[in-house]
Amino acid sequence: MRQVYLDHSATSAVDPRVIEVMMPFFDVRYGNASSLHTMGQEANRALEDARKTVAQKLHCTPEEIIFTSGGTESNNAAFKGAAFTRLRKGKKGHIITSTIEHDCVLNTCQWLESLGFSVTYLPVDNYGLVSPESLEDAITGDTILVSIMHANNEIGTIQDIRELAHIAHERDVLFHTDAVQSVTKVPVDVQEIGVDLLSVSSHKIHGPKGVGCLYVKKGTTVDPLLHGGGHEKGFRSGTENIPGIVGFSEALAIGEEERPREMPRIERLRDELIDGVSIIENSWLNGHPKRRLPINAHFCFRFIEGESLVLRLSGKGIYASTGSACSSKSLKPSHVLLAIGLPPEDAHSSLRLTLGRDNTEGDIQYTLKVLPEVVTDLRKISPFKASFQE
């Protein structure tokens, strides 16, 4: 049976070239980067070389890159770092984000609300876009941070971060963006989009799991989450994951080098997928039709449960998801789909197909052969089939 992996927004296979550069740091060059001896200094050079590579690809200085365990930690560090800086001065404050952020952002905001911070959750339109006017209206004299994700992890809609960051900076407010889904898929230049803080994750870009980074613009003050030996310039204590960091930097370098060639190819496959799926009755594409990630195709199939669809496709060798992998086991409808105006019954009928460098034309043709058959079979046994037949 053919195996087709269409869940790259959940995670991606580690590129063999990335594995190759990581391997020596497990059993040959395994020194602690804080040690003074030769092996330690060798590890430290690998750490700093990786930092230079990541900084170059994001268009910042090495001193502005803090290595973390991934997107969740980076997002937490941005929010709580800004909040704790405020708390040390005996104050609280106001935070602005959107209703379609990743769960790690929304849950962090809810936790900060329990400490007395106020949070405004900006609505989005039916494409998932934040209105610049709504952000401008929401900023107050107490606002300490605005965070709007660059590209949504479910529906793939890309925000105009440059415009939104400009609005925040006009009021002297820090701006953070979660760029976990967008890095290596679309151009991400921290200077061009004008953000103060930006989160990246390695395993979304064919790198290892458990590593990522937070860009912190020079002059931006955020308190650390972790205290200890002062690693990462005191911002993130703990012995550095050298194999992971080296692999992450290599994955980012490969992704950026190949992006001009690979993303147009993947986008063509994605468009073929969208065109083929869109002819299925009572189905539609979610997210912006143009301003979306080149890897993302997100659909709803009325009268079908998304979980059943994912399981049936898995039985045919096609691996997809109903939304964010972090909440895929939840029975609650997607907060993203509810935010763009879908009723719960339609939100439960979603399917996210996200492509990667390993996908081929044959994968798309196989998916377009199997998916309509699975949809037809599930609708035959759907409790809503009477409504469908009408």
Protein backbone atom coordinates (compact mmCIF):
# COMPACT_ATOMS: atom_id res chain seq x y z
CA MET A 1 0.00 0.00 0.00
CA ARG A 2 1.25 3.48 -0.88
CA GLN A 3 2.27 5.66 2.07
CA VAL A 4 1.48 9.38 1.70
CA TYR A 5 2.43 11.73 4.54
CA LEU A 6 0.35 14.91 4.44
CA ASP A 7 0.80 16.11 8.03
CA HIS A 8 3.93 18.24 7.74
CA SER A 9 2.45 21.03 9.85
CA ALA A 10 2.36 18.54 12.74
CA THR A 11 5.96 17.43 12.27
CA SER A 12 8.38 16.51 9.51
CA ALA A 13 10.95 13.81 8.85
CA VAL A 14 14.48 14.76 9.80
CA ASP A 15 16.47 15.38 6.63
CA PRO A 16 19.30 12.83 6.21
CA ARG A 17 21.73 15.72 5.77
CA VAL A 18 20.65 17.03 9.16
CA ILE A 19 21.14 13.65 10.82
CA GLU A 20 24.63 13.46 9.32
CA VAL A 21 25.82 16.72 10.89
CA MET A 22 24.23 15.84 14.24
CA MET A 23 25.75 12.38 14.70
CA PRO A 24 29.29 13.33 15.85
CA PHE A 25 27.86 15.38 18.73
CA PHE A 26 26.30 12.30 20.32
CA ASP A 27 29.40 10.12 20.74
CA VAL A 28 32.54 11.85 19.47
CA ARG A 29 32.21 15.61 19.98
CA TYR A 30 29.99 15.30 23.06
CA GLY A 31 31.60 17.91 25.29
CA ASN A 32 29.66 20.36 27.45
CA ALA A 33 29.78 23.80 25.80
CA SER A 34 30.51 25.39 29.19
CA SER A 35 33.60 23.27 29.89
CA LEU A 36 37.01 24.89 29.57
CA HIS A 37 38.82 21.90 28.09
CA THR A 38 39.27 21.22 24.39
CA MET A 39 36.14 19.09 23.94
CA GLY A 40 34.05 21.70 25.72
CA GLN A 41 35.41 24.51 23.59
CA GLU A 42 34.77 22.44 20.47
CA ALA A 43 31.14 22.08 21.52
CA ASN A 44 30.96 25.80 22.22
CA ARG A 45 32.26 26.60 18.74
CA ALA A 46 29.58 24.35 17.23
CA LEU A 47 26.97 26.14 19.35
CA GLU A 48 28.08 29.59 18.25
CA ASP A 49 28.45 28.55 14.61
CA ALA A 50 24.87 27.30 14.71
CA ARG A 51 23.75 30.58 16.27
CA LYS A 52 25.44 32.52 13.46
CA THR A 53 23.70 30.36 10.85
CA VAL A 54 20.25 30.82 12.41
CA ALA A 55 20.83 34.56 12.77
CA GLN A 56 21.92 34.86 9.15
CA LYS A 57 18.80 33.08 7.91
CA LEU A 58 16.48 35.22 10.05
CA HIS A 59 18.45 38.40 9.19
CA CYS A 60 19.52 39.40 12.69
CA THR A 61 22.68 39.25 14.83
CA PRO A 62 23.81 36.09 16.64
CA GLU A 63 23.38 37.86 20.00
CA GLU A 64 19.64 38.12 19.28
CA ILE A 65 19.12 34.34 19.01
CA ILE A 66 18.20 32.33 22.12
CA PHE A 67 18.01 28.56 21.68
CA THR A 68 15.02 26.87 23.31
CA SER A 69 13.26 23.49 23.30
CA GLY A 70 10.86 24.58 20.54
CA GLY A 71 7.86 26.70 19.69
CA THR A 72 5.92 26.21 22.92
CA GLU A 73 8.84 27.29 25.10
CA SER A 74 9.68 30.19 22.80
CA ASN A 75 6.11 31.47 22.91
CA ASN A 76 5.91 31.04 26.69
CA ALA A 77 9.24 32.80 27.09
CA ALA A 78 8.06 35.78 25.05
CA PHE A 79 4.77 36.22 26.92
CA LYS A 80 5.91 35.41 30.43
CA GLY A 81 9.22 37.18 29.94
CA ALA A 82 7.42 40.41 29.10
CA ALA A 83 4.94 39.88 31.94
CA PHE A 84 7.57 39.05 34.56
CA THR A 85 9.57 42.14 33.60
CA ARG A 86 6.46 44.13 34.40
CA LEU A 87 5.82 42.26 37.66
CA ARG A 88 9.32 43.01 38.93
CA LYS A 89 8.34 46.68 38.79
CA GLY A 90 5.24 45.94 40.87
CA LYS A 91 2.92 46.36 37.91
CA LYS A 92 0.76 44.20 35.69
CA GLY A 93 -0.53 45.12 32.27
CA HIS A 94 -2.48 44.39 29.13
CA ILE A 95 -1.71 41.85 26.40
CA ILE A 96 -3.24 41.58 22.93
CA THR A 97 -3.39 38.42 20.85
CA SER A 98 -5.86 36.82 18.42
CA THR A 99 -8.56 34.18 18.76
CA ILE A 100 -6.77 31.81 16.36
CA GLU A 101 -3.41 31.50 18.08
CA HIS A 102 -1.83 28.15 18.93
CA ASP A 103 -3.01 26.58 22.18
CA CYS A 104 0.34 27.28 23.84
CA VAL A 105 -0.29 31.00 23.38
CA LEU A 106 -3.95 30.94 24.42
CA ASN A 107 -3.27 28.83 27.51
CA THR A 108 -0.36 31.08 28.48
CA CYS A 109 -2.64 34.10 28.18
CA GLN A 110 -5.28 32.45 30.34
CA TRP A 111 -2.66 31.69 32.98
CA LEU A 112 -1.45 35.28 32.94
CA GLU A 113 -5.05 36.41 33.36
CA SER A 114 -5.18 34.36 36.56
CA LEU A 115 -2.27 36.50 37.83
CA GLY A 116 -4.17 39.70 37.13
CA PHE A 117 -3.01 40.60 33.64
CA SER A 118 -5.74 41.59 31.19
CA VAL A 119 -5.87 40.05 27.71
CA THR A 120 -7.72 41.14 24.59
CA TYR A 121 -8.39 38.39 22.05
CA LEU A 122 -8.82 40.05 18.66
CA PRO A 123 -11.44 38.53 16.34
CA VAL A 124 -10.63 37.50 12.78
CA ASP A 125 -12.63 37.57 9.56
CA ASN A 126 -13.89 34.46 7.78
CA TYR A 127 -10.45 34.00 6.20
CA GLY A 128 -8.66 34.20 9.55
CA LEU A 129 -7.18 37.67 9.09
CA VAL A 130 -6.76 40.16 11.93
CA SER A 131 -7.99 43.65 11.12
CA PRO A 132 -5.32 46.35 11.62
CA GLU A 133 -8.11 48.66 12.79
CA SER A 134 -9.14 46.23 15.53
CA LEU A 135 -5.56 46.11 16.79
CA GLU A 136 -5.28 49.88 16.77
CA ASP A 137 -8.50 50.20 18.75
CA ALA A 138 -7.44 47.56 21.29
CA ILE A 139 -4.12 49.11 22.34
CA THR A 140 -4.26 51.03 25.61
CA GLY A 141 -1.77 52.84 27.78
CA ASP A 142 -1.32 49.60 29.77
CA THR A 143 -0.57 47.36 26.76
CA ILE A 144 2.82 45.67 27.15
CA LEU A 145 2.77 43.09 24.34
CA VAL A 146 0.98 42.29 21.09
CA SER A 147 1.35 38.79 19.65
CA ILE A 148 -0.18 37.72 16.32
CA MET A 149 0.98 34.51 14.65
CA HIS A 150 2.61 34.86 11.24
CA ALA A 151 0.78 31.91 9.66
CA ASN A 152 -1.99 29.88 11.22
CA ASN A 153 -1.16 26.27 12.00
CA GLU A 154 -4.59 24.97 10.98
CA ILE A 155 -5.94 26.97 8.04
CA GLY A 156 -2.62 28.38 6.80
CA THR A 157 -3.68 32.04 6.55
CA ILE A 158 -0.72 34.46 6.52
CA GLN A 159 -1.04 37.77 8.40
CA ASP A 160 0.44 41.10 7.36
CA ILE A 161 2.82 41.14 10.32
CA ARG A 162 4.72 44.17 9.10
CA GLU A 163 1.60 46.35 9.23
CA LEU A 164 0.46 44.97 12.59
CA ALA A 165 3.91 45.39 14.16
CA HIS A 166 4.06 48.97 12.88
CA ILE A 167 0.78 49.77 14.64
CA ALA A 168 2.11 48.36 17.92
CA HIS A 169 5.39 50.24 17.64
CA GLU A 170 3.60 53.53 17.00
CA ARG A 171 2.28 53.11 20.55
CA ASP A 172 5.62 51.88 21.95
CA VAL A 173 4.34 48.33 22.49
CA LEU A 174 6.42 45.17 21.98
CA PHE A 175 5.38 42.89 19.13
CA HIS A 176 5.87 39.11 19.03
CA THR A 177 4.97 36.67 16.28
CA ASP A 178 4.79 32.88 16.28
CA ALA A 179 6.56 31.99 13.03
CA VAL A 180 6.70 28.24 13.71
CA GLN A 181 4.67 27.41 10.59
CA SER A 182 6.07 30.03 8.23
CA VAL A 183 9.87 29.78 8.48
CA THR A 184 11.35 28.15 5.33
CA LYS A 185 7.89 28.18 3.69
CA VAL A 186 7.75 31.94 3.04
CA PRO A 187 10.39 34.66 3.47
CA VAL A 188 10.91 35.58 7.13
CA ASP A 189 13.17 38.58 7.71
CA VAL A 190 12.84 39.94 11.25
CA GLN A 191 14.11 43.35 10.18
CA GLU A 192 11.74 43.60 7.23
CA ILE A 193 8.64 42.61 9.21
CA GLY A 194 9.79 44.67 12.17
CA VAL A 195 9.11 42.38 15.14
CA ASP A 196 10.73 42.45 18.58
CA LEU A 197 10.28 38.75 19.32
CA LEU A 198 9.82 35.74 17.00
CA SER A 199 9.44 32.02 17.69
CA VAL A 200 10.78 29.16 15.55
CA SER A 201 10.61 25.36 15.92
CA SER A 202 13.03 22.85 14.41
CA HIS A 203 10.82 19.81 13.87
CA LYS A 204 8.49 21.70 11.51
CA ILE A 205 11.37 22.27 9.06
CA HIS A 206 12.89 18.76 8.77
CA GLY A 207 15.03 19.23 11.87
CA PRO A 208 15.07 17.30 15.16
CA LYS A 209 12.35 17.59 17.79
CA GLY A 210 12.97 19.34 21.09
CA VAL A 211 14.80 22.42 19.81
CA GLY A 212 13.97 25.85 18.43
CA CYS A 213 14.75 29.47 19.10
CA LEU A 214 13.39 32.81 20.19
CA TYR A 215 14.59 35.92 18.39
CA VAL A 216 14.88 38.78 20.90
CA LYS A 217 15.62 42.12 19.29
CA LYS A 218 18.56 43.97 20.81
CA GLY A 219 17.32 46.31 23.52
CA THR A 220 14.18 44.26 24.24
CA THR A 221 13.89 43.37 27.92
CA VAL A 222 12.22 40.07 28.83
CA ASP A 223 12.88 38.11 32.01
CA PRO A 224 13.99 34.47 31.79
CA LEU A 225 11.75 31.51 32.55
CA LEU A 226 14.64 29.36 33.76
CA HIS A 227 17.34 30.33 36.25
CA GLY A 228 20.54 28.41 36.76
CA GLY A 229 24.04 28.58 35.38
CA GLY A 230 23.41 31.53 33.10
CA HIS A 231 23.41 29.73 29.76
CA GLU A 232 22.16 31.56 26.65
CA LYS A 233 23.34 34.88 28.10
CA GLY A 234 21.31 34.24 31.23
CA PHE A 235 18.03 34.02 29.35
CA ARG A 236 17.71 30.22 29.24
CA SER A 237 19.80 28.29 31.77
CA GLY A 238 20.49 24.60 31.24
CA THR A 239 23.17 22.65 29.37
CA GLU A 240 22.70 23.31 25.67
CA ASN A 241 21.40 20.54 23.41
CA ILE A 242 24.31 20.71 21.00
CA PRO A 243 23.24 17.88 18.65
CA GLY A 244 19.75 19.36 18.42
CA ILE A 245 20.95 22.92 17.93
CA VAL A 246 23.42 21.87 15.23
CA GLY A 247 20.66 19.90 13.50
CA PHE A 248 18.23 22.81 13.78
CA SER A 249 20.66 25.25 12.20
CA GLU A 250 21.40 22.83 9.37
CA ALA A 251 17.68 22.25 8.74
CA LEU A 252 17.07 25.99 8.63
CA ALA A 253 19.99 26.52 6.25
CA ILE A 254 18.79 23.74 3.92
CA GLY A 255 15.20 24.95 4.08
CA GLU A 256 16.13 28.50 3.19
CA GLU A 257 18.50 27.42 0.43
CA GLU A 258 15.89 25.18 -1.18
CA ARG A 259 12.83 27.37 -0.53
CA PRO A 260 12.96 29.31 -3.85
CA ARG A 261 12.88 26.01 -5.73
CA GLU A 262 10.88 23.70 -3.48
CA MET A 263 8.02 25.92 -2.33
CA PRO A 264 6.76 26.75 -5.86
CA ARG A 265 6.79 23.02 -6.65
CA ILE A 266 4.92 22.20 -3.45
CA GLU A 267 2.47 25.04 -4.06
CA ARG A 268 1.63 23.60 -7.47
CA LEU A 269 0.92 20.22 -5.88
CA ARG A 270 -1.17 21.93 -3.21
CA ASP A 271 -3.22 23.79 -5.83
CA GLU A 272 -3.79 20.54 -7.69
CA LEU A 273 -5.02 19.04 -4.44
CA ILE A 274 -7.32 21.99 -3.75
CA ASP A 275 -8.78 21.89 -7.26
CA GLY A 276 -9.39 18.15 -7.03
CA VAL A 277 -10.99 18.23 -3.60
CA SER A 278 -13.14 21.28 -4.32
CA ILE A 279 -15.31 19.35 -6.79
CA ILE A 280 -16.50 17.06 -3.99
CA GLU A 281 -20.06 18.04 -3.13
CA ASN A 282 -20.60 19.90 0.16
CA SER A 283 -16.91 20.54 0.72
CA TRP A 284 -14.94 23.77 0.82
CA LEU A 285 -11.52 25.27 1.47
CA ASN A 286 -10.89 27.09 4.75
CA GLY A 287 -8.49 30.01 5.11
CA HIS A 288 -7.51 32.71 2.68
CA PRO A 289 -7.48 31.50 -0.97
CA LYS A 290 -4.27 33.39 -1.80
CA ARG A 291 -2.61 34.59 1.42
CA ARG A 292 -1.91 31.10 2.71
CA LEU A 293 1.07 28.85 3.31
CA PRO A 294 2.20 27.08 0.13
CA ILE A 295 2.04 23.74 1.97
CA ASN A 296 -1.46 24.09 3.44
CA ALA A 297 -4.85 22.84 2.19
CA HIS A 298 -7.59 22.78 4.83
CA PHE A 299 -11.10 21.56 4.04
CA CYS A 300 -14.46 20.81 5.58
CA PHE A 301 -16.67 17.93 4.40
CA ARG A 302 -20.18 18.47 5.60
CA PHE A 303 -21.94 15.52 7.32
CA ILE A 304 -18.67 13.75 8.16
CA GLU A 305 -16.67 13.70 11.39
CA GLY A 306 -13.08 14.72 10.78
CA GLU A 307 -11.75 12.05 13.16
CA SER A 308 -13.46 9.29 11.14
CA LEU A 309 -12.08 10.75 7.93
CA VAL A 310 -8.52 10.82 9.31
CA LEU A 311 -8.75 7.22 10.51
CA ARG A 312 -10.18 5.96 7.21
CA LEU A 313 -7.47 7.76 5.25
CA SER A 314 -4.83 6.33 7.57
CA GLY A 315 -6.13 2.86 6.75
CA LYS A 316 -5.43 3.70 3.10
CA GLY A 317 -1.90 4.92 3.85
CA ILE A 318 -2.70 8.65 3.77
CA TYR A 319 -1.69 10.48 6.94
CA ALA A 320 -3.41 13.77 7.72
CA SER A 321 -5.07 15.55 10.65
CA THR A 322 -8.22 17.41 11.56
CA GLY A 323 -6.32 20.44 12.80
CA SER A 324 -3.51 21.17 15.23
CA ALA A 325 -1.69 17.98 16.24
CA CYS A 326 -1.37 19.37 19.76
CA SER A 327 -5.15 19.18 20.25
CA SER A 328 -6.06 16.41 17.79
CA LYS A 329 -7.22 14.09 20.59
CA SER A 330 -9.66 16.67 21.92
CA LEU A 331 -13.35 16.22 21.20
CA LYS A 332 -13.87 19.98 21.20
CA PRO A 333 -14.35 21.70 17.83
CA SER A 334 -11.38 23.68 16.59
CA HIS A 335 -11.24 27.14 18.16
CA VAL A 336 -9.75 28.39 14.88
CA LEU A 337 -12.70 27.20 12.80
CA LEU A 338 -15.19 28.58 15.32
CA ALA A 339 -13.33 31.91 15.20
CA ILE A 340 -13.73 32.16 11.41
CA GLY A 341 -17.47 31.67 11.80
CA LEU A 342 -18.09 27.97 11.21
CA PRO A 343 -20.78 26.29 13.33
CA PRO A 344 -19.55 23.43 15.57
CA GLU A 345 -20.99 20.71 13.32
CA ASP A 346 -18.99 22.01 10.35
CA ALA A 347 -15.90 22.61 12.48
CA HIS A 348 -15.97 18.92 13.40
CA SER A 349 -15.82 17.97 9.71
CA SER A 350 -12.38 19.39 8.95
CA LEU A 351 -9.34 17.85 7.31
CA ARG A 352 -5.88 19.43 7.19
CA LEU A 353 -3.54 18.29 4.42
CA THR A 354 -0.05 19.79 4.65
CA LEU A 355 2.69 18.97 2.15
CA GLY A 356 6.46 18.76 2.38
CA ARG A 357 9.62 18.27 0.37
CA ASP A 358 9.07 14.52 0.19
CA ASN A 359 5.65 14.73 -1.51
CA THR A 360 5.30 13.94 -5.23
CA GLU A 361 2.77 14.21 -8.02
CA GLY A 362 1.97 10.53 -7.44
CA ASP A 363 1.05 11.30 -3.83
CA ILE A 364 -1.47 13.89 -4.93
CA GLN A 365 -3.00 11.65 -7.58
CA TYR A 366 -3.35 8.81 -5.08
CA THR A 367 -4.94 11.13 -2.52
CA LEU A 368 -7.39 12.50 -5.08
CA LYS A 369 -8.37 8.94 -5.97
CA VAL A 370 -8.84 7.74 -2.38
CA LEU A 371 -10.30 10.81 -0.65
CA PRO A 372 -13.55 11.08 -2.69
CA GLU A 373 -14.16 7.36 -2.20
CA VAL A 374 -13.68 7.65 1.57
CA VAL A 375 -15.94 10.71 1.75
CA THR A 376 -18.68 8.87 -0.19
CA ASP A 377 -18.41 5.80 2.05
CA LEU A 378 -18.56 7.82 5.27
CA ARG A 379 -21.54 9.82 4.06
CA LYS A 380 -23.42 6.59 3.37
CA ILE A 381 -23.25 5.72 7.08
CA SER A 382 -23.47 9.28 8.37
CA PRO A 383 -26.30 10.02 10.83
CA PHE A 384 -26.80 13.15 8.69
CA LYS A 385 -27.22 11.20 5.45
CA ALA A 386 -30.94 11.99 5.21
CA SER A 387 -30.12 15.69 5.23
CA PHE A 388 -27.36 15.10 2.70
CA GLN A 389 -29.71 13.26 0.33
CA GLU A 390 -32.21 16.07 0.58
